[in-house]
Amino acid sequence: MLFIRGFTQVQGTVLSKAMDAAISGMAGLGHIILGVSMIMILLNIKKTVE
């Protein structure tokens, strides 16, 4: 989503409020998924060490 956001800004494309919100929403969901997966990995490592 960072690429898409940057590409639209460099090209000077004017996005509607809905499209801007959709890009931000998808980026937010990606960050949530990354955060949850990092916690799961760390918990798995902790369980393996013990």
C-alpha atoms as a PDB file:
ATOM      1  CA  MET A   1       0.000   0.000   0.000  1.00  0.00           C
ATOM      2  CA  LEU A   2       2.982   2.266   0.563  1.00  0.00           C
ATOM      3  CA  PHE A   3       3.881   1.804  -3.100  1.00  0.00           C
ATOM      4  CA  ILE A   4       0.344   2.574  -4.257  1.00  0.00           C
ATOM      5  CA  ARG A   5       0.091   5.659  -2.045  1.00  0.00           C
ATOM      6  CA  GLY A   6       3.483   6.940  -3.226  1.00  0.00           C
ATOM      7  CA  PHE A   7       2.755   6.186  -6.872  1.00  0.00           C
ATOM      8  CA  THR A   8      -0.506   8.117  -6.818  1.00  0.00           C
ATOM      9  CA  GLN A   9       1.171  11.086  -5.136  1.00  0.00           C
ATOM     10  CA  VAL A  10       4.092  11.153  -7.575  1.00  0.00           C
ATOM     11  CA  GLN A  11       1.740  10.923 -10.550  1.00  0.00           C
ATOM     12  CA  GLY A  12      -0.418  13.698  -9.100  1.00  0.00           C
ATOM     13  CA  THR A  13      -3.529  11.544  -9.170  1.00  0.00           C
ATOM     14  CA  VAL A  14      -6.378  13.044  -7.187  1.00  0.00           C
ATOM     15  CA  LEU A  15      -8.080  10.339  -5.159  1.00  0.00           C
ATOM     16  CA  SER A  16     -11.628  10.471  -3.895  1.00  0.00           C
ATOM     17  CA  LYS A  17     -12.119  10.431  -0.137  1.00  0.00           C
ATOM     18  CA  ALA A  18     -13.412   6.869  -0.381  1.00  0.00           C
ATOM     19  CA  MET A  19     -10.349   5.644  -2.288  1.00  0.00           C
ATOM     20  CA  ASP A  20      -8.017   7.465   0.105  1.00  0.00           C
ATOM     21  CA  ALA A  21      -9.805   5.862   3.067  1.00  0.00           C
ATOM     22  CA  ALA A  22      -9.682   2.439   1.384  1.00  0.00           C
ATOM     23  CA  ILE A  23      -5.918   2.659   0.916  1.00  0.00           C
ATOM     24  CA  SER A  24      -5.453   3.750   4.530  1.00  0.00           C
ATOM     25  CA  GLY A  25      -7.771   1.000   5.745  1.00  0.00           C
ATOM     26  CA  MET A  26      -5.949  -1.722   3.846  1.00  0.00           C
ATOM     27  CA  ALA A  27      -2.606  -0.444   5.142  1.00  0.00           C
ATOM     28  CA  GLY A  28      -4.012  -0.473   8.676  1.00  0.00           C
ATOM     29  CA  LEU A  29      -5.232  -4.051   8.317  1.00  0.00           C
ATOM     30  CA  GLY A  30      -1.813  -5.060   7.063  1.00  0.00           C
ATOM     31  CA  HIS A  31      -0.180  -3.513  10.123  1.00  0.00           C
ATOM     32  CA  ILE A  32      -2.614  -5.300  12.442  1.00  0.00           C
ATOM     33  CA  ILE A  33      -1.872  -8.645  10.768  1.00  0.00           C
ATOM     34  CA  LEU A  34       1.883  -8.023  11.034  1.00  0.00           C
ATOM     35  CA  GLY A  35       1.574  -7.117  14.710  1.00  0.00           C
ATOM     36  CA  VAL A  36      -0.452 -10.214  15.560  1.00  0.00           C
ATOM     37  CA  SER A  37       1.922 -12.469  13.636  1.00  0.00           C
ATOM     38  CA  MET A  38       4.956 -10.974  15.438  1.00  0.00           C
ATOM     39  CA  ILE A  39       3.320 -11.644  18.818  1.00  0.00           C
ATOM     40  CA  MET A  40       2.498 -15.206  17.779  1.00  0.00           C
ATOM     41  CA  ILE A  41       6.083 -15.818  16.632  1.00  0.00           C
ATOM     42  CA  LEU A  42       7.508 -14.444  19.879  1.00  0.00           C
ATOM     43  CA  LEU A  43       5.141 -16.588  21.955  1.00  0.00           C
ATOM     44  CA  ASN A  44       6.147 -19.629  19.904  1.00  0.00           C
ATOM     45  CA  ILE A  45       9.850 -18.881  20.457  1.00  0.00           C
ATOM     46  CA  LYS A  46       9.222 -18.447  24.190  1.00  0.00           C
ATOM     47  CA  LYS A  47       7.433 -21.806  24.357  1.00  0.00           C
ATOM     48  CA  THR A  48      10.261 -23.500  22.430  1.00  0.00           C
ATOM     49  CA  VAL A  49      12.972 -22.085  24.725  1.00  0.00           C
ATOM     50  CA  GLU A  50      11.174 -23.230  27.872  1.00  0.00           C
END
